Amino acid sequence: MRAEDRERAVEDVVTRVMSRVLERGPQALEAAIADTLYHERQRVDRERRGKERDRRLALLDRRRGRLLAGSDEERRRLLREVAEAFAREVLGNFDPRVHAFATRAVPFGLAALLHASSPRQLLRRFPVLGLEDRLAVQGEVAHARALKDLGTIVCVPTHSSNLDSIVLGYGMHELGFPPLLYGAGLNLFENPLISYFMHNLGAYKVDRRKTAPLYRDVLKEYATVSLEYGYHNLFFPGGTRARSGAIEDRLKLGLLGTSLRAFANNLRHGRPRPRLFVVPVVLSYELVLEAETLVDDFLRETGKSRYIITDDEFASPRRILQFMKGILELDARIAFTFMPPLDPFGNRVDEAGVSLDGRGRPIDIDRYLRGPTGELVDDDERDHEYTRELGERLVDTFHRGNTLMPTHLVSFAFFEELRRRNPGLDLYRLLRTGGTQDTLSLGELSRVVAALRDRLVALEAEGRLRLDDRVRRERADDLVLMALRALGTYHTRPALARAGDRICSRDRNLLYFYRNRLLGYGLEAA
C-alpha cells in the first residue's frame, strides 16, 4: 500500500473492527479483549525463552490488568490499542522504485531458474533470456486484462510452492497487469533481503500462529479496505501450500468474502468503479521445490490442521541452489493458466465487465445486495452463502485449468498399478513397504501410461482438465523416460528410478505427492 494511504487504512480498519465489537454491547467488548489476550498468551508461551518473549509476556500481563480493573472507556481504549497494533503489523507497503527494479531483475533470475540450458549457454545468451518456452501462459489472458481498467482485480491462484509469488508477480507484470497486494506468511520476512523486497512490493504480513478472532478480523478488514481503495489483490484461497500435491478442494472463505464486502461498500459510498472481478489462475509445476517436506507434513498430520511449515526447502539457500542446478538440466515447465473471470457471487463475467447467468444473459448483481425497497442490506448469512457458491465455482475452475505434465501422469500410473497389485494394503502400509510387488517393467508401465493418457485426452476434450503438449504428442514410453529424468534430477531420492528394464520407487511419499495432481477426476477406479 502506498505511503499516502497507510494511515488512512489503519484508521479505517481499526474503526470498522471496533464498531462491530461495540455494537454487540459491553460484554462483547470484554470478551473480545479477554479472548485475544488468551490466544496471544498461548502463542507467546510457546516462543523461545529470551528478553523479547519476556517483554511480550509483561505487556500481556499489563493489558490483562487494565481489562480486569478498567472502566468501559478504558476497555474501549485497550481494544483500539490491540486492534491498531495488529493492523500496523499486517500493514503492507508499496514502493514504485523497488517494483521497477524487481521487475527488471526477476526476468533474469527466473530465466536462470527455469531455462533448459547449461550455465555456459545461459551466459552466452545473456541478456536475451526468453521465458516463453518455460513459463507457458495460456487461457483467458486478454479477457482478464480487459477487466483491470473496469474495476478491481482479485487474482485467486492455486498454491503449490513459495515460488508461486515470484512466478505470479513476474508473469502478471509481463502481461500488463498492475502490481498486486498479497498476504505472505511471516516466515518469508525472516530473511533481511527477501523481507526488504516483500515489504516494498505490496506484501502484507500474515502470522498464522496468531489464532485470536480479533487478529483475523483485522486481517480480513485490511484486505477489504485495500480493495475499496482500488488496489488489485492476490489471495491464495487454499490458504497454505497444497501439502498433498492435489488441486485444492477446500478453500478458505474468509478472505474470498472480502471481495463481496468491498463491492457492497463501494456501492454504498457511490465509488466510480465499484465492480470487483475474481480472476482464477492455475499454476502447474513439473517439479515442486518443497515437495518432500510438504508431502511428509501432510502424511504426518493427516486429519489434523498444522497451519504453517517453517523448516522446508524454500527456507534453505542450499536447497534452492540444488533445485536451480537440477532445473538447468531439464526441459522444465510451469503452466500459468488464466481461467474465465467471475464476479464476487461466482457468476461468469464478459470482457465488458457484465455478469452473466448460466445461459449467458446479462444480470444485475447490485440487486443481490438490496432489500425489497432497493436499499443496500447487510446480511452476513446471505453473504456467506454467496461466498460459499463462489468457492465451489473456484474448485471446479481450478480442476478445469489443471495442466497435467509427464511427472504427474507417470506417477499416477505407477502408484495406481502398485496399489492394484497389492490389494488389501492400506495407504500408509503401501507407502511404507511398497507391498510384495513393488516394481514394474518399462513395457508394463508404458502400457498403463498409454491407457491413462487416452482417458485424459477424453477428459480434456470435455473441458475437465488440460494437458501439457508433450503428454498429447509423445509416445508412452518416451513420457515414462521424461518423467524418470525429471523426478531423478533434483529430489534427494527420486520418486521413480530405472534399474535395467525395471522401474521402482525410491521415495513412495514423493511418488504419492506427484500422483495426487490427478485426483478429483474419478481416475482411480478406471
Protein backbone atom coordinates (compact mmCIF):
# COMPACT_ATOMS: atom_id res chain seq x y z
CA MET A 1 0.00 0.00 0.00
CA ARG A 2 1.37 3.41 -0.95
CA ALA A 3 2.64 5.64 1.84
CA GLU A 4 -0.15 8.20 1.36
CA ASP A 5 -2.82 5.56 2.08
CA ARG A 6 -1.24 3.78 5.04
CA GLU A 7 -2.51 5.89 7.96
CA ARG A 8 -5.97 6.19 6.45
CA ALA A 9 -6.10 2.43 6.00
CA VAL A 10 -5.09 1.76 9.62
CA GLU A 11 -7.78 4.12 10.89
CA ASP A 12 -10.46 2.61 8.65
CA VAL A 13 -9.53 -0.94 9.67
CA VAL A 14 -9.47 -0.19 13.41
CA THR A 15 -12.69 1.84 13.34
CA ARG A 16 -14.62 -0.86 11.50
CA VAL A 17 -13.36 -3.72 13.66
CA MET A 18 -14.16 -1.78 16.83
CA SER A 19 -17.63 -0.84 15.61
CA ARG A 20 -18.55 -4.47 15.03
CA VAL A 21 -17.43 -5.38 18.56
CA LEU A 22 -19.03 -2.40 20.31
CA GLU A 23 -22.40 -2.78 18.64
CA ARG A 24 -22.76 -6.12 20.44
CA GLY A 25 -22.53 -4.45 23.87
CA PRO A 26 -20.18 -4.22 26.91
CA GLN A 27 -20.00 -7.99 27.43
CA ALA A 28 -18.84 -8.49 23.86
CA LEU A 29 -16.18 -5.80 24.38
CA GLU A 30 -14.80 -7.57 27.45
CA ALA A 31 -14.99 -10.99 25.77
CA ALA A 32 -13.16 -9.79 22.63
CA ILE A 33 -10.24 -8.43 24.65
CA ALA A 34 -10.07 -11.41 27.01
CA ASP A 35 -10.17 -13.87 24.13
CA THR A 36 -7.38 -12.01 22.30
CA LEU A 37 -5.17 -11.88 25.39
CA TYR A 38 -5.74 -15.61 25.99
CA HIS A 39 -4.76 -16.60 22.43
CA GLU A 40 -1.76 -14.28 22.45
CA ARG A 41 -0.59 -15.67 25.78
CA GLN A 42 -0.81 -19.21 24.41
CA ARG A 43 1.24 -18.19 21.38
CA VAL A 44 3.93 -16.28 23.29
CA ASP A 45 4.31 -19.08 25.87
CA ARG A 46 5.47 -21.35 23.02
CA GLU A 47 8.18 -18.93 21.85
CA ARG A 48 11.86 -19.42 22.62
CA ARG A 49 12.88 -18.08 26.00
CA GLY A 50 14.59 -14.69 25.94
CA LYS A 51 14.24 -10.96 26.54
CA GLU A 52 11.78 -10.45 23.68
CA ARG A 53 9.50 -13.20 24.98
CA ASP A 54 9.67 -11.72 28.50
CA ARG A 55 8.80 -8.27 27.13
CA ARG A 56 5.73 -9.63 25.32
CA LEU A 57 4.55 -11.55 28.36
CA ALA A 58 4.90 -8.44 30.53
CA LEU A 59 2.88 -6.42 28.01
CA LEU A 60 0.12 -9.06 28.01
CA ASP A 61 0.06 -9.01 31.84
CA ARG A 62 -0.32 -5.21 31.88
CA ARG A 63 -3.15 -5.39 29.37
CA ARG A 64 -4.87 -8.09 31.39
CA GLY A 65 -4.67 -5.86 34.47
CA ARG A 66 -6.25 -2.98 32.53
CA LEU A 67 -9.01 -5.30 31.34
CA LEU A 68 -9.85 -6.52 34.85
CA ALA A 69 -9.68 -3.16 36.61
CA GLY A 70 -10.68 -0.74 33.88
CA SER A 71 -13.94 1.04 33.07
CA ASP A 72 -15.78 0.50 29.78
CA GLU A 73 -14.00 3.57 28.44
CA GLU A 74 -10.62 2.10 29.40
CA ARG A 75 -11.58 -1.17 27.74
CA ARG A 76 -12.51 0.66 24.54
CA ARG A 77 -9.07 2.29 24.58
CA LEU A 78 -7.49 -1.11 25.14
CA LEU A 79 -9.43 -2.65 22.25
CA ARG A 80 -8.29 0.18 19.97
CA GLU A 81 -4.68 -0.28 21.11
CA VAL A 82 -4.69 -4.02 20.41
CA ALA A 83 -6.52 -3.71 17.08
CA GLU A 84 -4.19 -0.93 15.92
CA ALA A 85 -1.12 -2.99 16.87
CA PHE A 86 -2.45 -5.86 14.77
CA ALA A 87 -3.22 -3.52 11.86
CA ARG A 88 0.24 -1.94 11.87
CA GLU A 89 1.84 -5.37 11.98
CA VAL A 90 -0.20 -6.53 8.99
CA LEU A 91 0.21 -3.30 7.01
CA GLY A 92 1.93 -3.70 3.67
CA ASN A 93 3.88 -1.15 1.69
CA PHE A 94 4.47 -0.41 -1.97
CA ASP A 95 7.48 1.46 -3.33
CA PRO A 96 7.31 2.05 -7.12
CA ARG A 97 11.12 2.34 -7.27
CA VAL A 98 11.63 -1.10 -5.74
CA HIS A 99 8.94 -2.53 -8.00
CA ALA A 100 10.67 -1.10 -11.09
CA PHE A 101 13.99 -2.62 -10.04
CA ALA A 102 12.47 -6.00 -9.18
CA THR A 103 10.65 -6.33 -12.49
CA ARG A 104 13.98 -5.78 -14.28
CA ALA A 105 15.89 -8.22 -12.08
CA VAL A 106 13.35 -11.03 -11.83
CA PRO A 107 13.31 -11.98 -15.54
CA PHE A 108 17.00 -12.95 -15.49
CA GLY A 109 16.74 -14.76 -12.16
CA LEU A 110 13.63 -16.65 -13.17
CA ALA A 111 15.07 -17.49 -16.58
CA ALA A 112 18.19 -18.88 -14.94
CA LEU A 113 15.95 -20.94 -12.68
CA LEU A 114 13.78 -22.35 -15.44
CA HIS A 115 15.80 -22.42 -18.62
CA ALA A 116 16.91 -25.76 -20.00
CA SER A 117 20.48 -24.90 -20.84
CA SER A 118 23.92 -25.19 -19.34
CA PRO A 119 25.37 -22.22 -17.43
CA ARG A 120 27.73 -21.58 -20.37
CA GLN A 121 24.79 -21.39 -22.80
CA LEU A 122 22.91 -19.23 -20.33
CA LEU A 123 25.77 -16.69 -20.21
CA ARG A 124 26.20 -16.80 -23.99
CA ARG A 125 22.51 -15.85 -24.44
CA PHE A 126 22.58 -13.10 -21.78
CA PRO A 127 20.82 -10.64 -21.65
CA VAL A 128 18.22 -12.15 -24.02
CA LEU A 129 16.61 -14.90 -21.95
CA GLY A 130 13.11 -15.50 -23.20
CA LEU A 131 10.85 -17.33 -20.78
CA GLU A 132 8.19 -18.17 -23.34
CA ASP A 133 9.33 -21.80 -23.63
CA ARG A 134 9.42 -22.34 -19.85
CA LEU A 135 6.57 -20.26 -18.49
CA ALA A 136 3.59 -21.42 -20.57
CA VAL A 137 0.94 -18.68 -20.29
CA GLN A 138 -2.45 -19.81 -21.56
CA GLY A 139 -6.17 -19.31 -21.17
CA GLU A 140 -8.24 -16.14 -20.77
CA VAL A 141 -5.38 -13.63 -20.62
CA ALA A 142 -6.93 -10.92 -22.83
CA HIS A 143 -10.25 -11.32 -21.03
CA ALA A 144 -8.68 -10.72 -17.62
CA ARG A 145 -6.57 -7.85 -18.91
CA ALA A 146 -9.67 -6.10 -20.28
CA LEU A 147 -11.20 -6.00 -16.79
CA LYS A 148 -8.33 -4.26 -14.97
CA ASP A 149 -9.49 -0.83 -16.15
CA LEU A 150 -13.17 -1.51 -15.36
CA GLY A 151 -12.79 -2.31 -11.67
CA THR A 152 -10.52 -4.01 -9.16
CA ILE A 153 -8.90 -7.38 -9.89
CA VAL A 154 -8.78 -10.14 -7.27
CA CYS A 155 -6.34 -12.77 -8.56
CA VAL A 156 -7.01 -16.15 -6.91
CA PRO A 157 -4.36 -18.77 -7.83
CA THR A 158 -3.72 -22.31 -6.75
CA HIS A 159 -0.85 -22.60 -4.28
CA SER A 160 1.86 -25.26 -4.68
CA SER A 161 5.11 -23.54 -3.73
CA ASN A 162 6.60 -20.41 -2.25
CA LEU A 163 7.85 -19.79 -5.78
CA ASP A 164 4.23 -19.01 -6.69
CA SER A 165 4.54 -15.39 -5.57
CA ILE A 166 7.65 -14.88 -7.74
CA VAL A 167 6.11 -16.57 -10.77
CA LEU A 168 2.81 -14.71 -10.40
CA GLY A 169 4.43 -11.34 -9.76
CA TYR A 170 6.67 -11.61 -12.79
CA GLY A 171 4.04 -13.17 -15.05
CA MET A 172 1.33 -10.62 -14.21
CA HIS A 173 3.76 -7.74 -14.77
CA GLU A 174 4.87 -9.08 -18.15
CA LEU A 175 1.25 -9.48 -19.20
CA GLY A 176 0.49 -5.82 -18.47
CA PHE A 177 -1.24 -6.13 -15.11
CA PRO A 178 -0.60 -3.57 -12.35
CA PRO A 179 1.15 -4.59 -9.10
CA LEU A 180 -0.86 -6.81 -6.75
CA LEU A 181 -1.13 -6.64 -2.97
CA TYR A 182 -0.90 -10.05 -1.33
CA GLY A 183 -0.62 -11.66 2.08
CA ALA A 184 2.61 -13.53 2.81
CA GLY A 185 3.47 -15.80 5.74
CA LEU A 186 5.57 -14.18 8.46
CA ASN A 187 8.34 -16.76 7.92
CA LEU A 188 9.02 -15.27 4.47
CA PHE A 189 10.02 -11.97 6.12
CA GLU A 190 12.79 -13.55 8.21
CA ASN A 191 15.49 -13.21 5.54
CA PRO A 192 16.52 -9.50 5.51
CA LEU A 193 16.97 -9.27 1.73
CA ILE A 194 13.75 -11.09 0.88
CA SER A 195 11.94 -9.11 3.59
CA TYR A 196 13.04 -5.82 2.01
CA PHE A 197 11.51 -6.75 -1.33
CA MET A 198 8.40 -8.26 0.27
CA HIS A 199 7.79 -5.09 2.27
CA ASN A 200 8.18 -2.83 -0.74
CA LEU A 201 6.38 -4.89 -3.37
CA GLY A 202 2.99 -4.81 -1.68
CA ALA A 203 3.15 -7.90 0.53
CA TYR A 204 1.42 -7.66 3.89
CA LYS A 205 2.22 -9.94 6.80
CA VAL A 206 0.07 -12.91 7.77
CA ASP A 207 1.12 -14.51 11.05
CA ARG A 208 -0.57 -17.91 11.00
CA ARG A 209 0.50 -18.54 14.58
CA LYS A 210 -1.95 -15.86 15.71
CA THR A 211 -5.32 -17.51 16.23
CA ALA A 212 -7.25 -14.72 18.01
CA PRO A 213 -10.51 -13.91 16.16
CA LEU A 214 -9.72 -10.19 16.52
CA TYR A 215 -6.49 -10.67 14.56
CA ARG A 216 -8.34 -12.49 11.80
CA ASP A 217 -10.95 -9.72 11.69
CA VAL A 218 -8.19 -7.12 11.30
CA LEU A 219 -6.57 -9.17 8.53
CA LYS A 220 -9.82 -9.52 6.59
CA GLU A 221 -10.70 -5.86 7.08
CA TYR A 222 -7.30 -4.78 5.79
CA ALA A 223 -7.89 -6.80 2.62
CA THR A 224 -11.38 -5.29 2.28
CA VAL A 225 -10.14 -1.74 2.72
CA SER A 226 -7.32 -2.22 0.17
CA LEU A 227 -9.86 -3.44 -2.40
CA GLU A 228 -12.09 -0.43 -1.73
CA TYR A 229 -9.09 1.84 -2.27
CA GLY A 230 -8.70 0.26 -5.71
CA TYR A 231 -5.63 -1.89 -5.02
CA HIS A 232 -5.64 -5.06 -7.09
CA ASN A 233 -5.15 -8.04 -4.77
CA LEU A 234 -3.86 -11.59 -4.85
CA PHE A 235 -5.39 -14.13 -2.46
CA PHE A 236 -4.41 -17.79 -2.18
CA PRO A 237 -7.89 -19.19 -1.45
CA GLY A 238 -6.43 -22.54 -0.39
CA GLY A 239 -4.67 -20.70 2.45
CA THR A 240 -1.37 -22.57 2.62
CA ARG A 241 0.53 -24.58 0.03
CA ALA A 242 -1.20 -27.77 -1.08
CA ARG A 243 0.70 -30.25 1.07
CA SER A 244 -0.71 -33.36 -0.60
CA GLY A 245 0.16 -32.18 -4.11
CA ALA A 246 -3.51 -32.21 -5.16
CA ILE A 247 -5.54 -29.31 -6.51
CA GLU A 248 -7.21 -27.53 -3.59
CA ASP A 249 -10.78 -28.60 -2.95
CA ARG A 250 -11.30 -26.92 0.43
CA LEU A 251 -10.93 -23.16 0.25
CA LYS A 252 -10.65 -20.55 2.99
CA LEU A 253 -13.76 -18.43 2.53
CA GLY A 254 -12.75 -15.59 4.88
CA LEU A 255 -10.53 -13.64 2.50
CA LEU A 256 -12.65 -14.65 -0.50
CA GLY A 257 -15.61 -12.95 1.16
CA THR A 258 -13.78 -9.63 1.30
CA SER A 259 -14.43 -9.08 -2.41
CA LEU A 260 -18.18 -9.19 -1.82
CA ARG A 261 -17.94 -6.89 1.23
CA ALA A 262 -15.77 -4.41 -0.69
CA PHE A 263 -18.25 -4.42 -3.58
CA ALA A 264 -21.11 -3.66 -1.20
CA ASN A 265 -19.15 -0.83 0.43
CA ASN A 266 -18.24 0.59 -2.97
CA LEU A 267 -21.94 0.72 -3.88
CA ARG A 268 -22.81 2.24 -0.51
CA HIS A 269 -20.28 5.06 -0.95
CA GLY A 270 -21.00 5.63 -4.64
CA ARG A 271 -17.44 4.95 -5.80
CA PRO A 272 -16.87 5.45 -9.54
CA ARG A 273 -15.63 1.91 -10.35
CA PRO A 274 -17.36 -0.31 -7.79
CA ARG A 275 -17.01 -3.67 -9.56
CA LEU A 276 -14.60 -6.39 -8.43
CA PHE A 277 -13.52 -9.22 -10.72
CA VAL A 278 -12.25 -12.56 -9.44
CA VAL A 279 -9.59 -13.96 -11.79
CA PRO A 280 -8.73 -17.65 -11.16
CA VAL A 281 -5.19 -18.70 -12.12
CA VAL A 282 -3.92 -22.29 -12.05
CA LEU A 283 -0.17 -22.87 -11.62
CA SER A 284 1.10 -26.31 -12.60
CA TYR A 285 4.73 -27.28 -11.93
CA GLU A 286 6.62 -30.18 -13.42
CA LEU A 287 8.69 -30.29 -10.22
CA VAL A 288 7.83 -28.67 -6.89
CA LEU A 289 10.70 -27.27 -4.84
CA GLU A 290 9.23 -28.18 -1.43
CA ALA A 291 7.55 -31.44 -2.45
CA GLU A 292 9.41 -33.70 0.00
CA THR A 293 8.65 -31.57 3.06
CA LEU A 294 5.07 -30.85 2.01
CA VAL A 295 4.03 -34.47 1.50
CA ASP A 296 5.82 -35.67 4.64
CA ASP A 297 4.00 -33.00 6.61
CA PHE A 298 0.68 -34.00 5.01
CA LEU A 299 1.10 -37.68 5.80
CA ARG A 300 2.28 -36.98 9.34
CA GLU A 301 -0.57 -34.61 10.13
CA THR A 302 -3.45 -36.09 8.12
CA GLY A 303 -6.66 -35.39 9.94
CA LYS A 304 -5.16 -32.51 11.86
CA SER A 305 -4.51 -28.89 10.93
CA ARG A 306 -0.86 -27.92 11.15
CA TYR A 307 -1.15 -24.42 9.79
CA ILE A 308 2.37 -23.38 8.93
CA ILE A 309 5.56 -25.05 7.74
CA THR A 310 8.77 -23.20 8.57
CA ASP A 311 11.50 -25.81 8.07
CA ASP A 312 11.38 -26.67 4.39
CA GLU A 313 13.40 -26.45 1.18
CA PHE A 314 12.37 -22.84 0.49
CA ALA A 315 13.95 -21.78 3.80
CA SER A 316 17.31 -23.28 2.82
CA PRO A 317 19.54 -21.40 0.32
CA ARG A 318 21.47 -24.64 -0.27
CA ARG A 319 18.31 -26.49 -1.30
CA ILE A 320 17.23 -23.64 -3.61
CA LEU A 321 20.63 -23.77 -5.31
CA GLN A 322 20.28 -27.53 -5.72
CA PHE A 323 16.87 -27.01 -7.25
CA MET A 324 18.26 -24.40 -9.66
CA LYS A 325 21.11 -26.70 -10.66
CA GLY A 326 18.67 -29.53 -11.34
CA ILE A 327 16.24 -27.38 -13.30
CA LEU A 328 19.06 -26.07 -15.51
CA GLU A 329 19.47 -29.62 -16.81
CA LEU A 330 15.79 -30.09 -17.60
CA ASP A 331 13.19 -29.10 -20.13
CA ALA A 332 11.17 -27.96 -17.07
CA ARG A 333 7.95 -26.02 -17.36
CA ILE A 334 5.42 -24.08 -15.38
CA ALA A 335 1.92 -23.73 -16.80
CA PHE A 336 0.30 -20.37 -15.94
CA THR A 337 -3.38 -20.73 -16.86
CA PHE A 338 -5.93 -17.90 -16.70
CA MET A 339 -9.45 -19.20 -16.27
CA PRO A 340 -12.69 -17.30 -17.08
CA PRO A 341 -13.16 -14.35 -14.67
CA LEU A 342 -16.01 -14.32 -12.15
CA ASP A 343 -17.84 -11.75 -10.07
CA PRO A 344 -17.88 -11.98 -6.23
CA PHE A 345 -21.00 -14.17 -6.43
CA GLY A 346 -19.46 -16.78 -8.74
CA ASN A 347 -21.13 -15.63 -11.99
CA ARG A 348 -19.15 -15.52 -15.23
CA VAL A 349 -18.15 -12.03 -16.40
CA ASP A 350 -17.75 -10.89 -20.02
CA GLU A 351 -14.96 -8.63 -21.31
CA ALA A 352 -17.12 -5.55 -20.72
CA GLY A 353 -17.39 -6.43 -17.03
CA VAL A 354 -21.04 -7.53 -17.25
CA SER A 355 -22.10 -10.50 -15.12
CA LEU A 356 -23.83 -13.36 -16.94
CA ASP A 357 -26.22 -16.05 -15.78
CA GLY A 358 -25.91 -19.73 -16.66
CA ARG A 359 -27.39 -19.09 -20.12
CA GLY A 360 -25.09 -16.18 -20.91
CA ARG A 361 -27.69 -13.47 -20.27
CA PRO A 362 -26.67 -10.20 -18.51
CA ILE A 363 -27.74 -9.91 -14.88
CA ASP A 364 -27.78 -7.01 -12.43
CA ILE A 365 -25.79 -8.19 -9.42
CA ASP A 366 -26.44 -5.00 -7.44
CA ARG A 367 -29.89 -6.32 -6.62
CA TYR A 368 -28.34 -9.31 -4.83
CA LEU A 369 -27.43 -6.93 -2.01
CA ARG A 370 -30.61 -4.83 -1.87
CA GLY A 371 -33.81 -5.21 0.11
CA PRO A 372 -37.41 -5.05 -1.16
CA THR A 373 -37.35 -1.26 -1.34
CA GLY A 374 -33.99 -1.06 -3.10
CA GLU A 375 -31.81 -0.17 -0.11
CA LEU A 376 -28.49 -1.94 0.49
CA VAL A 377 -28.91 -4.51 3.24
CA ASP A 378 -26.17 -6.11 5.36
CA ASP A 379 -26.79 -9.82 5.84
CA ASP A 380 -23.87 -11.98 7.00
CA GLU A 381 -25.70 -15.26 6.43
CA ARG A 382 -26.64 -14.29 2.87
CA ASP A 383 -23.10 -13.12 2.09
CA HIS A 384 -21.59 -16.32 3.49
CA GLU A 385 -23.82 -18.36 1.19
CA TYR A 386 -22.79 -16.28 -1.84
CA THR A 387 -19.11 -16.73 -0.92
CA ARG A 388 -19.62 -20.47 -0.47
CA GLU A 389 -21.03 -20.64 -4.01
CA LEU A 390 -18.03 -18.66 -5.30
CA GLY A 391 -15.73 -21.14 -3.53
CA GLU A 392 -17.46 -24.12 -5.17
CA ARG A 393 -17.14 -22.46 -8.55
CA LEU A 394 -13.42 -21.87 -7.97
CA VAL A 395 -12.77 -25.51 -7.01
CA ASP A 396 -14.38 -26.63 -10.28
CA THR A 397 -12.45 -23.96 -12.20
CA PHE A 398 -9.13 -24.98 -10.67
CA HIS A 399 -9.66 -28.59 -11.75
CA ARG A 400 -10.57 -27.50 -15.27
CA GLY A 401 -7.44 -25.35 -15.50
CA ASN A 402 -5.10 -28.01 -14.09
CA THR A 403 -2.34 -28.72 -16.63
CA LEU A 404 -1.01 -32.26 -16.29
CA MET A 405 2.62 -32.97 -17.10
CA PRO A 406 4.64 -36.17 -17.61
CA THR A 407 5.69 -36.33 -13.94
CA HIS A 408 2.02 -36.29 -12.84
CA LEU A 409 0.84 -38.82 -15.43
CA VAL A 410 3.60 -41.38 -14.88
CA SER A 411 3.49 -41.06 -11.07
CA PHE A 412 -0.26 -41.70 -11.08
CA ALA A 413 0.07 -44.68 -13.42
CA PHE A 414 2.82 -46.32 -11.36
CA PHE A 415 1.16 -45.68 -7.99
CA GLU A 416 -2.24 -46.99 -9.06
CA GLU A 417 -0.72 -50.09 -10.65
CA LEU A 418 1.25 -50.65 -7.44
CA ARG A 419 -1.98 -50.38 -5.46
CA ARG A 420 -3.80 -52.76 -7.87
CA ARG A 421 -1.07 -55.39 -7.50
CA ASN A 422 -1.14 -55.20 -3.71
CA PRO A 423 -4.82 -55.44 -2.75
CA GLY A 424 -5.63 -55.24 0.93
CA LEU A 425 -2.80 -52.86 1.85
CA ASP A 426 -3.94 -49.54 3.30
CA LEU A 427 -2.30 -46.34 2.06
CA TYR A 428 0.24 -45.98 4.85
CA ARG A 429 1.39 -49.59 4.71
CA LEU A 430 1.72 -49.39 0.93
CA LEU A 431 3.80 -46.23 1.26
CA ARG A 432 5.95 -47.77 3.96
CA THR A 433 6.61 -51.19 2.40
CA GLY A 434 5.73 -50.99 -1.28
CA GLY A 435 3.93 -54.33 -0.95
CA THR A 436 5.07 -57.65 -2.30
CA GLN A 437 5.10 -56.45 -5.92
CA ASP A 438 6.84 -53.07 -5.93
CA THR A 439 8.42 -52.81 -9.41
CA LEU A 440 7.14 -52.70 -12.99
CA SER A 441 8.90 -53.33 -16.25
CA LEU A 442 9.29 -50.38 -18.58
CA GLY A 443 6.87 -52.04 -21.02
CA GLU A 444 4.25 -52.65 -18.32
CA LEU A 445 4.41 -49.07 -17.09
CA SER A 446 4.29 -47.73 -20.65
CA ARG A 447 1.10 -49.68 -21.34
CA VAL A 448 -0.57 -48.30 -18.19
CA VAL A 449 0.56 -44.78 -19.14
CA ALA A 450 -0.83 -45.16 -22.66
CA ALA A 451 -4.25 -46.26 -21.37
CA LEU A 452 -4.31 -43.47 -18.80
CA ARG A 453 -3.28 -40.90 -21.41
CA ASP A 454 -6.20 -41.94 -23.62
CA ARG A 455 -8.58 -41.31 -20.72
CA LEU A 456 -7.01 -37.91 -20.03
CA VAL A 457 -7.30 -36.88 -23.67
CA ALA A 458 -11.03 -37.65 -23.47
CA LEU A 459 -11.35 -35.59 -20.27
CA GLU A 460 -9.53 -32.69 -21.91
CA ALA A 461 -11.97 -32.82 -24.83
CA GLU A 462 -14.77 -32.45 -22.26
CA GLY A 463 -13.06 -29.36 -20.82
CA ARG A 464 -12.41 -31.01 -17.45
CA LEU A 465 -8.60 -30.56 -17.43
CA ARG A 466 -5.66 -29.51 -19.60
CA LEU A 467 -2.67 -31.47 -20.87
CA ASP A 468 0.87 -30.32 -21.47
CA ASP A 469 1.52 -30.65 -25.20
CA ARG A 470 4.16 -33.37 -24.59
CA VAL A 471 1.54 -35.56 -22.90
CA ARG A 472 -0.58 -35.34 -26.05
CA ARG A 473 2.06 -35.90 -28.69
CA GLU A 474 4.82 -38.12 -27.23
CA ARG A 475 4.79 -41.91 -27.16
CA ALA A 476 4.00 -43.50 -23.81
CA ASP A 477 7.50 -44.96 -23.32
CA ASP A 478 9.03 -41.53 -24.04
CA LEU A 479 6.73 -39.97 -21.45
CA VAL A 480 7.96 -42.52 -18.92
CA LEU A 481 11.59 -41.62 -19.70
CA MET A 482 10.84 -37.89 -19.44
CA ALA A 483 9.25 -38.37 -16.04
CA LEU A 484 12.14 -40.56 -14.82
CA ARG A 485 14.64 -37.92 -15.85
CA ALA A 486 12.70 -35.10 -14.18
CA LEU A 487 11.99 -36.99 -10.96
CA GLY A 488 15.61 -38.08 -10.70
CA THR A 489 17.14 -34.65 -11.21
CA TYR A 490 16.51 -32.66 -8.06
CA HIS A 491 14.97 -34.56 -5.17
CA THR A 492 17.18 -36.27 -2.58
CA ARG A 493 15.68 -39.64 -3.53
CA PRO A 494 13.82 -39.97 -6.82
CA ALA A 495 10.13 -40.81 -6.78
CA LEU A 496 10.83 -43.23 -9.64
CA ALA A 497 14.09 -44.74 -10.91
CA ARG A 498 15.14 -47.27 -13.51
CA ALA A 499 17.21 -50.36 -12.80
CA GLY A 500 17.75 -52.14 -16.11
CA ASP A 501 14.29 -52.89 -17.50
CA ARG A 502 12.58 -52.45 -14.14
CA ILE A 503 11.06 -49.28 -12.72
CA CYS A 504 10.95 -48.86 -8.95
CA SER A 505 10.08 -46.13 -6.50
CA ARG A 506 12.89 -44.86 -4.27
CA ASP A 507 10.57 -42.46 -2.44
CA ARG A 508 6.93 -43.55 -2.41
CA ASN A 509 5.83 -40.49 -0.43
CA LEU A 510 7.14 -38.29 -3.23
CA LEU A 511 5.52 -40.56 -5.81
CA TYR A 512 2.23 -40.12 -3.94
CA PHE A 513 2.67 -36.31 -3.99
CA TYR A 514 3.03 -36.09 -7.79
CA ARG A 515 0.34 -38.74 -8.30
CA ASN A 516 -2.16 -36.63 -6.35
CA ARG A 517 -2.25 -33.95 -9.04
CA LEU A 518 -4.67 -36.25 -10.91
CA LEU A 519 -7.12 -36.53 -8.02
CA GLY A 520 -10.67 -35.30 -8.49
CA TYR A 521 -11.33 -36.79 -11.92
CA GLY A 522 -12.55 -40.26 -10.95
CA LEU A 523 -9.49 -41.93 -12.44
CA GLU A 524 -8.66 -44.22 -9.53
CA ALA A 525 -11.39 -46.73 -10.35
CA ALA A 526 -10.50 -46.66 -14.06
